[in-house]
Amino acid sequence: QTLAIASISPNLLIVVTAAFGFMR
């Protein structure tokens, strides 16, 4: 949130959810 550029930051929980979904 502090490194956000133009109030855009990565959503790590989507990455975790998607990664566990297609890997497991």
PDB file of all heavy atoms in Angstrom:
ATOM      1  N   GLN A   1       0.828  -1.205   0.000  1.00  0.00           N
ATOM      2  CA  GLN A   1       0.000   0.000   0.000  1.00  0.00           C
ATOM      3  C   GLN A   1       0.867   1.261   0.000  1.00  0.00           C
ATOM      4  O   GLN A   1       0.474   2.277  -0.558  1.00  0.00           O
ATOM      5  CB  GLN A   1      -0.938   0.013   1.208  1.00  0.00           C
ATOM      6  CG  GLN A   1      -2.032  -1.006   1.147  1.00  0.00           C
ATOM      7  CD  GLN A   1      -2.966  -0.793  -0.032  1.00  0.00           C
ATOM      8  OE1 GLN A   1      -3.293   0.336  -0.372  1.00  0.00           O
ATOM      9  NE2 GLN A   1      -3.389  -1.883  -0.633  1.00  0.00           N
ATOM     10  N   THR A   2       2.024   1.182   0.620  1.00  0.00           N
ATOM     11  CA  THR A   2       2.913   2.345   0.610  1.00  0.00           C
ATOM     12  C   THR A   2       3.687   2.457  -0.697  1.00  0.00           C
ATOM     13  O   THR A   2       4.113   3.548  -1.064  1.00  0.00           O
ATOM     14  CB  THR A   2       3.912   2.286   1.778  1.00  0.00           C
ATOM     15  OG1 THR A   2       4.683   1.101   1.672  1.00  0.00           O
ATOM     16  CG2 THR A   2       3.183   2.319   3.108  1.00  0.00           C
ATOM     17  N   LEU A   3       3.868   1.357  -1.410  1.00  0.00           N
ATOM     18  CA  LEU A   3       4.581   1.367  -2.681  1.00  0.00           C
ATOM     19  C   LEU A   3       3.642   1.495  -3.878  1.00  0.00           C
ATOM     20  O   LEU A   3       4.077   1.357  -5.011  1.00  0.00           O
ATOM     21  CB  LEU A   3       5.403   0.085  -2.834  1.00  0.00           C
ATOM     22  CG  LEU A   3       6.495  -0.161  -1.799  1.00  0.00           C
ATOM     23  CD1 LEU A   3       7.142  -1.505  -2.029  1.00  0.00           C
ATOM     24  CD2 LEU A   3       7.521   0.952  -1.846  1.00  0.00           C
ATOM     25  N   ALA A   4       2.381   1.755  -3.634  1.00  0.00           N
ATOM     26  CA  ALA A   4       1.387   1.822  -4.705  1.00  0.00           C
ATOM     27  C   ALA A   4       1.675   2.994  -5.642  1.00  0.00           C
ATOM     28  O   ALA A   4       2.012   4.091  -5.204  1.00  0.00           O
ATOM     29  CB  ALA A   4      -0.003   1.952  -4.128  1.00  0.00           C
ATOM     30  N   ILE A   5       1.536   2.720  -6.931  1.00  0.00           N
ATOM     31  CA  ILE A   5       1.707   3.740  -7.949  1.00  0.00           C
ATOM     32  C   ILE A   5       0.329   4.065  -8.499  1.00  0.00           C
ATOM     33  O   ILE A   5      -0.345   3.183  -9.037  1.00  0.00           O
ATOM     34  CB  ILE A   5       2.645   3.255  -9.070  1.00  0.00           C
ATOM     35  CG1 ILE A   5       4.015   2.939  -8.491  1.00  0.00           C
ATOM     36  CG2 ILE A   5       2.731   4.283 -10.188  1.00  0.00           C
ATOM     37  CD1 ILE A   5       4.953   2.265  -9.442  1.00  0.00           C
ATOM     38  N   ALA A   6      -0.099   5.304  -8.356  1.00  0.00           N
ATOM     39  CA  ALA A   6      -1.428   5.758  -8.773  1.00  0.00           C
ATOM     40  C   ALA A   6      -2.503   4.935  -8.071  1.00  0.00           C
ATOM     41  O   ALA A   6      -3.492   4.540  -8.678  1.00  0.00           O
ATOM     42  CB  ALA A   6      -1.589   5.698 -10.284  1.00  0.00           C
ATOM     43  N   SER A   7      -2.278   4.645  -6.810  1.00  0.00           N
ATOM     44  CA  SER A   7      -3.166   3.843  -5.948  1.00  0.00           C
ATOM     45  C   SER A   7      -3.429   2.451  -6.504  1.00  0.00           C
ATOM     46  O   SER A   7      -4.480   1.868  -6.269  1.00  0.00           O
ATOM     47  CB  SER A   7      -4.474   4.574  -5.662  1.00  0.00           C
ATOM     48  OG  SER A   7      -5.298   4.593  -6.807  1.00  0.00           O
ATOM     49  N   ILE A   8      -2.484   1.913  -7.252  1.00  0.00           N
ATOM     50  CA  ILE A   8      -2.586   0.551  -7.775  1.00  0.00           C
ATOM     51  C   ILE A   8      -1.526  -0.298  -7.084  1.00  0.00           C
ATOM     52  O   ILE A   8      -0.339   0.019  -7.126  1.00  0.00           O
ATOM     53  CB  ILE A   8      -2.374   0.518  -9.294  1.00  0.00           C
ATOM     54  CG1 ILE A   8      -3.449   1.327  -9.992  1.00  0.00           C
ATOM     55  CG2 ILE A   8      -2.368  -0.914  -9.800  1.00  0.00           C
ATOM     56  CD1 ILE A   8      -3.212   1.512 -11.461  1.00  0.00           C
ATOM     57  N   SER A   9      -1.974  -1.365  -6.442  1.00  0.00           N
ATOM     58  CA  SER A   9      -1.049  -2.273  -5.769  1.00  0.00           C
ATOM     59  C   SER A   9      -1.462  -3.710  -6.072  1.00  0.00           C
ATOM     60  O   SER A   9      -2.630  -3.974  -6.358  1.00  0.00           O
ATOM     61  CB  SER A   9      -1.043  -2.017  -4.264  1.00  0.00           C
ATOM     62  OG  SER A   9      -2.320  -2.254  -3.737  1.00  0.00           O
ATOM     63  N   PRO A  10      -0.533  -4.645  -6.007  1.00  0.00           N
ATOM     64  CA  PRO A  10      -0.874  -6.034  -6.315  1.00  0.00           C
ATOM     65  C   PRO A  10      -1.765  -6.651  -5.242  1.00  0.00           C
ATOM     66  O   PRO A  10      -1.662  -6.339  -4.062  1.00  0.00           O
ATOM     67  CB  PRO A  10       0.480  -6.737  -6.372  1.00  0.00           C
ATOM     68  CG  PRO A  10       1.396  -5.886  -5.597  1.00  0.00           C
ATOM     69  CD  PRO A  10       0.882  -4.490  -5.712  1.00  0.00           C
ATOM     70  N   ASN A  11      -2.639  -7.533  -5.678  1.00  0.00           N
ATOM     71  CA  ASN A  11      -3.531  -8.252  -4.777  1.00  0.00           C
ATOM     72  C   ASN A  11      -2.932  -9.647  -4.554  1.00  0.00           C
ATOM     73  O   ASN A  11      -3.175 -10.562  -5.334  1.00  0.00           O
ATOM     74  CB  ASN A  11      -4.928  -8.333  -5.395  1.00  0.00           C
ATOM     75  CG  ASN A  11      -5.957  -8.828  -4.427  1.00  0.00           C
ATOM     76  OD1 ASN A  11      -5.624  -9.359  -3.377  1.00  0.00           O
ATOM     77  ND2 ASN A  11      -7.207  -8.666  -4.783  1.00  0.00           N
ATOM     78  N   LEU A  12      -2.150  -9.776  -3.520  1.00  0.00           N
ATOM     79  CA  LEU A  12      -1.448 -11.036  -3.272  1.00  0.00           C
ATOM     80  C   LEU A  12      -2.386 -12.168  -2.894  1.00  0.00           C
ATOM     81  O   LEU A  12      -2.091 -13.339  -3.164  1.00  0.00           O
ATOM     82  CB  LEU A  12      -0.403 -10.846  -2.176  1.00  0.00           C
ATOM     83  CG  LEU A  12       0.776  -9.946  -2.522  1.00  0.00           C
ATOM     84  CD1 LEU A  12       1.709  -9.849  -1.337  1.00  0.00           C
ATOM     85  CD2 LEU A  12       1.510 -10.456  -3.729  1.00  0.00           C
ATOM     86  N   LEU A  13      -3.515 -11.863  -2.291  1.00  0.00           N
ATOM     87  CA  LEU A  13      -4.439 -12.927  -1.908  1.00  0.00           C
ATOM     88  C   LEU A  13      -5.106 -13.556  -3.129  1.00  0.00           C
ATOM     89  O   LEU A  13      -5.417 -14.744  -3.121  1.00  0.00           O
ATOM     90  CB  LEU A  13      -5.472 -12.395  -0.918  1.00  0.00           C
ATOM     91  CG  LEU A  13      -4.887 -12.000   0.429  1.00  0.00           C
ATOM     92  CD1 LEU A  13      -5.972 -11.491   1.354  1.00  0.00           C
ATOM     93  CD2 LEU A  13      -4.167 -13.161   1.072  1.00  0.00           C
ATOM     94  N   ILE A  14      -5.304 -12.775  -4.191  1.00  0.00           N
ATOM     95  CA  ILE A  14      -5.790 -13.359  -5.453  1.00  0.00           C
ATOM     96  C   ILE A  14      -4.722 -14.279  -6.024  1.00  0.00           C
ATOM     97  O   ILE A  14      -5.030 -15.362  -6.519  1.00  0.00           O
ATOM     98  CB  ILE A  14      -6.143 -12.252  -6.463  1.00  0.00           C
ATOM     99  CG1 ILE A  14      -7.405 -11.544  -6.066  1.00  0.00           C
ATOM    100  CG2 ILE A  14      -6.282 -12.798  -7.876  1.00  0.00           C
ATOM    101  CD1 ILE A  14      -8.675 -12.294  -6.354  1.00  0.00           C
ATOM    102  N   VAL A  15      -3.473 -13.859  -5.947  1.00  0.00           N
ATOM    103  CA  VAL A  15      -2.377 -14.678  -6.458  1.00  0.00           C
ATOM    104  C   VAL A  15      -2.295 -15.994  -5.687  1.00  0.00           C
ATOM    105  O   VAL A  15      -2.164 -17.069  -6.275  1.00  0.00           O
ATOM    106  CB  VAL A  15      -1.036 -13.911  -6.384  1.00  0.00           C
ATOM    107  CG1 VAL A  15       0.123 -14.800  -6.763  1.00  0.00           C
ATOM    108  CG2 VAL A  15      -1.081 -12.684  -7.264  1.00  0.00           C
ATOM    109  N   VAL A  16      -2.414 -15.931  -4.369  1.00  0.00           N
ATOM    110  CA  VAL A  16      -2.358 -17.136  -3.542  1.00  0.00           C
ATOM    111  C   VAL A  16      -3.541 -18.055  -3.851  1.00  0.00           C
ATOM    112  O   VAL A  16      -3.378 -19.259  -4.033  1.00  0.00           O
ATOM    113  CB  VAL A  16      -2.327 -16.769  -2.041  1.00  0.00           C
ATOM    114  CG1 VAL A  16      -2.547 -17.982  -1.164  1.00  0.00           C
ATOM    115  CG2 VAL A  16      -1.011 -16.120  -1.692  1.00  0.00           C
ATOM    116  N   THR A  17      -4.730 -17.478  -3.939  1.00  0.00           N
ATOM    117  CA  THR A  17      -5.927 -18.274  -4.203  1.00  0.00           C
ATOM    118  C   THR A  17      -5.853 -18.936  -5.569  1.00  0.00           C
ATOM    119  O   THR A  17      -6.134 -20.132  -5.704  1.00  0.00           O
ATOM    120  CB  THR A  17      -7.184 -17.391  -4.113  1.00  0.00           C
ATOM    121  OG1 THR A  17      -7.239 -16.813  -2.820  1.00  0.00           O
ATOM    122  CG2 THR A  17      -8.432 -18.189  -4.368  1.00  0.00           C
ATOM    123  N   ALA A  18      -5.482 -18.167  -6.584  1.00  0.00           N
ATOM    124  CA  ALA A  18      -5.390 -18.725  -7.933  1.00  0.00           C
ATOM    125  C   ALA A  18      -4.286 -19.777  -8.017  1.00  0.00           C
ATOM    126  O   ALA A  18      -4.464 -20.825  -8.639  1.00  0.00           O
ATOM    127  CB  ALA A  18      -5.146 -17.614  -8.948  1.00  0.00           C
ATOM    128  N   ALA A  19      -3.154 -19.512  -7.385  1.00  0.00           N
ATOM    129  CA  ALA A  19      -2.043 -20.463  -7.443  1.00  0.00           C
ATOM    130  C   ALA A  19      -2.394 -21.785  -6.775  1.00  0.00           C
ATOM    131  O   ALA A  19      -2.129 -22.861  -7.331  1.00  0.00           O
ATOM    132  CB  ALA A  19      -0.802 -19.855  -6.791  1.00  0.00           C
ATOM    133  N   PHE A  20      -2.999 -21.730  -5.606  1.00  0.00           N
ATOM    134  CA  PHE A  20      -3.392 -22.978  -4.944  1.00  0.00           C
ATOM    135  C   PHE A  20      -4.492 -23.674  -5.726  1.00  0.00           C
ATOM    136  O   PHE A  20      -4.568 -24.896  -5.731  1.00  0.00           O
ATOM    137  CB  PHE A  20      -3.834 -22.723  -3.505  1.00  0.00           C
ATOM    138  CG  PHE A  20      -2.701 -22.678  -2.536  1.00  0.00           C
ATOM    139  CD1 PHE A  20      -2.161 -21.479  -2.128  1.00  0.00           C
ATOM    140  CD2 PHE A  20      -2.172 -23.847  -2.036  1.00  0.00           C
ATOM    141  CE1 PHE A  20      -1.114 -21.444  -1.243  1.00  0.00           C
ATOM    142  CE2 PHE A  20      -1.118 -23.824  -1.139  1.00  0.00           C
ATOM    143  CZ  PHE A  20      -0.580 -22.616  -0.741  1.00  0.00           C
ATOM    144  N   GLY A  21      -5.342 -22.908  -6.380  1.00  0.00           N
ATOM    145  CA  GLY A  21      -6.409 -23.512  -7.168  1.00  0.00           C
ATOM    146  C   GLY A  21      -5.874 -24.305  -8.338  1.00  0.00           C
ATOM    147  O   GLY A  21      -6.230 -25.471  -8.523  1.00  0.00           O
ATOM    148  N   PHE A  22      -5.008 -23.703  -9.158  1.00  0.00           N
ATOM    149  CA  PHE A  22      -4.552 -24.449 -10.336  1.00  0.00           C
ATOM    150  C   PHE A  22      -3.406 -25.394 -10.052  1.00  0.00           C
ATOM    151  O   PHE A  22      -3.123 -26.256 -10.854  1.00  0.00           O
ATOM    152  CB  PHE A  22      -4.251 -23.527 -11.530  1.00  0.00           C
ATOM    153  CG  PHE A  22      -3.125 -22.560 -11.349  1.00  0.00           C
ATOM    154  CD1 PHE A  22      -1.816 -22.968 -11.357  1.00  0.00           C
ATOM    155  CD2 PHE A  22      -3.395 -21.220 -11.214  1.00  0.00           C
ATOM    156  CE1 PHE A  22      -0.793 -22.067 -11.206  1.00  0.00           C
ATOM    157  CE2 PHE A  22      -2.383 -20.304 -11.069  1.00  0.00           C
ATOM    158  CZ  PHE A  22      -1.080 -20.732 -11.064  1.00  0.00           C
ATOM    159  N   MET A  23      -2.758 -25.290  -8.911  1.00  0.00           N
ATOM    160  CA  MET A  23      -1.709 -26.257  -8.591  1.00  0.00           C
ATOM    161  C   MET A  23      -2.236 -27.457  -7.824  1.00  0.00           C
ATOM    162  O   MET A  23      -1.739 -28.569  -7.999  1.00  0.00           O
ATOM    163  CB  MET A  23      -0.587 -25.592  -7.779  1.00  0.00           C
ATOM    164  CG  MET A  23       0.284 -24.707  -8.615  1.00  0.00           C
ATOM    165  SD  MET A  23       1.814 -24.159  -7.832  1.00  0.00           S
ATOM    166  CE  MET A  23       1.312 -23.637  -6.243  1.00  0.00           C
ATOM    167  N   ARG A  24      -3.254 -27.251  -6.971  1.00  0.00           N
ATOM    168  CA  ARG A  24      -3.729 -28.351  -6.124  1.00  0.00           C
ATOM    169  C   ARG A  24      -5.154 -28.776  -6.373  1.00  0.00           C
ATOM    170  O   ARG A  24      -5.629 -29.723  -5.763  1.00  0.00           O
ATOM    171  CB  ARG A  24      -3.569 -27.953  -4.660  1.00  0.00           C
ATOM    172  CG  ARG A  24      -2.118 -27.825  -4.262  1.00  0.00           C
ATOM    173  CD  ARG A  24      -1.994 -27.745  -2.787  1.00  0.00           C
ATOM    174  NE  ARG A  24      -0.609 -27.587  -2.388  1.00  0.00           N
ATOM    175  CZ  ARG A  24      -0.236 -27.237  -1.198  1.00  0.00           C
ATOM    176  NH1 ARG A  24      -1.133 -26.992  -0.268  1.00  0.00           N
ATOM    177  NH2 ARG A  24       1.035 -27.125  -0.906  1.00  0.00           N
TER     178      ARG A  24
END
